Amino acid sequence: MVKFLLPVLLVGFMIYTLVDCARTDESQVRNLPKWAWIAIIIIIQTIGAIAYWVAGRPKRPGRGGGPKRRILPPDDDPDFLRKL
């Protein structure tokens, strides 16, 4: 069972990554052009798919070190208090 399940999961992961890369906007793909990532995923297969997830996939909003905007209650918000 394991001999059959692992290859099926790896092929599924590769196909999912290939579709994700193909549907991602060209301007959001990092480090290489989109066509190069698709070629790497097809040629190197599982390792290429992992490389895309680590180095090529765009950063999703809300993840990582972007500046965080603090939500202020109305009595602490200077813009709100100025409007009163």
C-alpha atoms as a PDB file:
ATOM      1  CA  MET A   1       0.000   0.000   0.000  1.00  0.00           C
ATOM      2  CA  VAL A   2       2.783   2.457   0.905  1.00  0.00           C
ATOM      3  CA  LYS A   3       4.608   1.674  -2.337  1.00  0.00           C
ATOM      4  CA  PHE A   4       1.526   2.865  -4.207  1.00  0.00           C
ATOM      5  CA  LEU A   5       0.450   5.748  -1.967  1.00  0.00           C
ATOM      6  CA  LEU A   6       3.736   7.703  -1.837  1.00  0.00           C
ATOM      7  CA  PRO A   7       4.195   8.026  -5.624  1.00  0.00           C
ATOM      8  CA  VAL A   8       0.547   9.046  -6.026  1.00  0.00           C
ATOM      9  CA  LEU A   9       0.962  11.763  -3.365  1.00  0.00           C
ATOM     10  CA  LEU A  10       4.180  13.030  -4.977  1.00  0.00           C
ATOM     11  CA  VAL A  11       2.591  13.208  -8.423  1.00  0.00           C
ATOM     12  CA  GLY A  12      -0.423  14.979  -6.931  1.00  0.00           C
ATOM     13  CA  PHE A  13       1.863  17.492  -5.204  1.00  0.00           C
ATOM     14  CA  MET A  14       3.737  18.114  -8.443  1.00  0.00           C
ATOM     15  CA  ILE A  15       0.518  18.627 -10.429  1.00  0.00           C
ATOM     16  CA  TYR A  16      -0.896  20.960  -7.766  1.00  0.00           C
ATOM     17  CA  THR A  17       2.325  23.000  -7.797  1.00  0.00           C
ATOM     18  CA  LEU A  18       2.368  23.129 -11.589  1.00  0.00           C
ATOM     19  CA  VAL A  19      -1.218  24.425 -11.691  1.00  0.00           C
ATOM     20  CA  ASP A  20      -0.475  26.927  -8.906  1.00  0.00           C
ATOM     21  CA  CYS A  21       2.538  28.239 -10.805  1.00  0.00           C
ATOM     22  CA  ALA A  22       0.628  28.430 -14.092  1.00  0.00           C
ATOM     23  CA  ARG A  23      -2.247  30.390 -12.506  1.00  0.00           C
ATOM     24  CA  THR A  24      -0.014  32.833 -10.618  1.00  0.00           C
ATOM     25  CA  ASP A  25       0.460  36.259 -12.175  1.00  0.00           C
ATOM     26  CA  GLU A  26       3.849  36.668 -13.885  1.00  0.00           C
ATOM     27  CA  SER A  27       4.687  39.747 -11.820  1.00  0.00           C
ATOM     28  CA  GLN A  28       4.242  37.896  -8.504  1.00  0.00           C
ATOM     29  CA  VAL A  29       6.534  34.921  -9.192  1.00  0.00           C
ATOM     30  CA  ARG A  30       9.854  35.383  -7.412  1.00  0.00           C
ATOM     31  CA  ASN A  31      13.491  34.772  -8.452  1.00  0.00           C
ATOM     32  CA  LEU A  32      12.903  33.307 -11.955  1.00  0.00           C
ATOM     33  CA  PRO A  33      10.453  33.906 -14.797  1.00  0.00           C
ATOM     34  CA  LYS A  34       7.239  31.930 -14.674  1.00  0.00           C
ATOM     35  CA  TRP A  35       8.168  29.821 -17.716  1.00  0.00           C
ATOM     36  CA  ALA A  36      11.427  28.789 -16.022  1.00  0.00           C
ATOM     37  CA  TRP A  37       9.604  27.626 -12.876  1.00  0.00           C
ATOM     38  CA  ILE A  38       7.180  25.591 -14.988  1.00  0.00           C
ATOM     39  CA  ALA A  39      10.104  23.970 -16.823  1.00  0.00           C
ATOM     40  CA  ILE A  40      11.899  23.206 -13.534  1.00  0.00           C
ATOM     41  CA  ILE A  41       8.751  21.660 -12.032  1.00  0.00           C
ATOM     42  CA  ILE A  42       8.283  19.443 -15.101  1.00  0.00           C
ATOM     43  CA  ILE A  43      11.943  18.424 -15.525  1.00  0.00           C
ATOM     44  CA  ILE A  44      13.068  18.000 -11.902  1.00  0.00           C
ATOM     45  CA  GLN A  45       9.589  16.967 -10.658  1.00  0.00           C
ATOM     46  CA  THR A  46       9.310  16.699  -6.861  1.00  0.00           C
ATOM     47  CA  ILE A  47      12.492  18.636  -6.077  1.00  0.00           C
ATOM     48  CA  GLY A  48      11.476  21.313  -8.596  1.00  0.00           C
ATOM     49  CA  ALA A  49       8.053  21.582  -6.959  1.00  0.00           C
ATOM     50  CA  ILE A  50       9.632  21.972  -3.523  1.00  0.00           C
ATOM     51  CA  ALA A  51      12.047  24.586  -4.904  1.00  0.00           C
ATOM     52  CA  TYR A  52       9.105  26.566  -6.303  1.00  0.00           C
ATOM     53  CA  TRP A  53       7.332  26.538  -2.930  1.00  0.00           C
ATOM     54  CA  VAL A  54      10.496  27.712  -1.167  1.00  0.00           C
ATOM     55  CA  ALA A  55      11.948  30.217  -3.646  1.00  0.00           C
ATOM     56  CA  GLY A  56       9.416  31.024  -6.354  1.00  0.00           C
ATOM     57  CA  ARG A  57       5.955  31.175  -4.900  1.00  0.00           C
ATOM     58  CA  PRO A  58       4.694  34.683  -4.149  1.00  0.00           C
ATOM     59  CA  LYS A  59       4.431  35.800  -0.572  1.00  0.00           C
ATOM     60  CA  ARG A  60       0.819  35.741   0.498  1.00  0.00           C
ATOM     61  CA  PRO A  61      -0.653  38.782   2.235  1.00  0.00           C
ATOM     62  CA  GLY A  62      -0.653  38.531   5.987  1.00  0.00           C
ATOM     63  CA  ARG A  63       2.398  36.297   6.163  1.00  0.00           C
ATOM     64  CA  GLY A  64       5.822  37.533   6.954  1.00  0.00           C
ATOM     65  CA  GLY A  65       7.441  40.675   8.108  1.00  0.00           C
ATOM     66  CA  GLY A  66       5.342  43.453   6.655  1.00  0.00           C
ATOM     67  CA  PRO A  67       4.468  46.380   8.876  1.00  0.00           C
ATOM     68  CA  LYS A  68       1.504  45.611  11.096  1.00  0.00           C
ATOM     69  CA  ARG A  69      -1.245  48.197  11.476  1.00  0.00           C
ATOM     70  CA  ARG A  70      -2.588  48.276  14.990  1.00  0.00           C
ATOM     71  CA  ILE A  71      -6.334  48.565  15.377  1.00  0.00           C
ATOM     72  CA  LEU A  72      -7.134  51.350  17.796  1.00  0.00           C
ATOM     73  CA  PRO A  73     -10.360  51.754  19.726  1.00  0.00           C
ATOM     74  CA  PRO A  74     -12.181  55.029  18.918  1.00  0.00           C
ATOM     75  CA  ASP A  75     -11.127  56.780  22.115  1.00  0.00           C
ATOM     76  CA  ASP A  76      -7.422  56.182  21.301  1.00  0.00           C
ATOM     77  CA  ASP A  77      -7.599  56.935  17.566  1.00  0.00           C
ATOM     78  CA  PRO A  78      -6.345  60.483  16.874  1.00  0.00           C
ATOM     79  CA  ASP A  79      -8.151  60.662  13.495  1.00  0.00           C
ATOM     80  CA  PHE A  80     -11.453  59.781  15.113  1.00  0.00           C
ATOM     81  CA  LEU A  81     -10.949  62.245  17.959  1.00  0.00           C
ATOM     82  CA  ARG A  82     -10.088  65.033  15.486  1.00  0.00           C
ATOM     83  CA  LYS A  83     -13.470  64.566  13.779  1.00  0.00           C
ATOM     84  CA  LEU A  84     -15.421  65.170  17.007  1.00  0.00           C
END
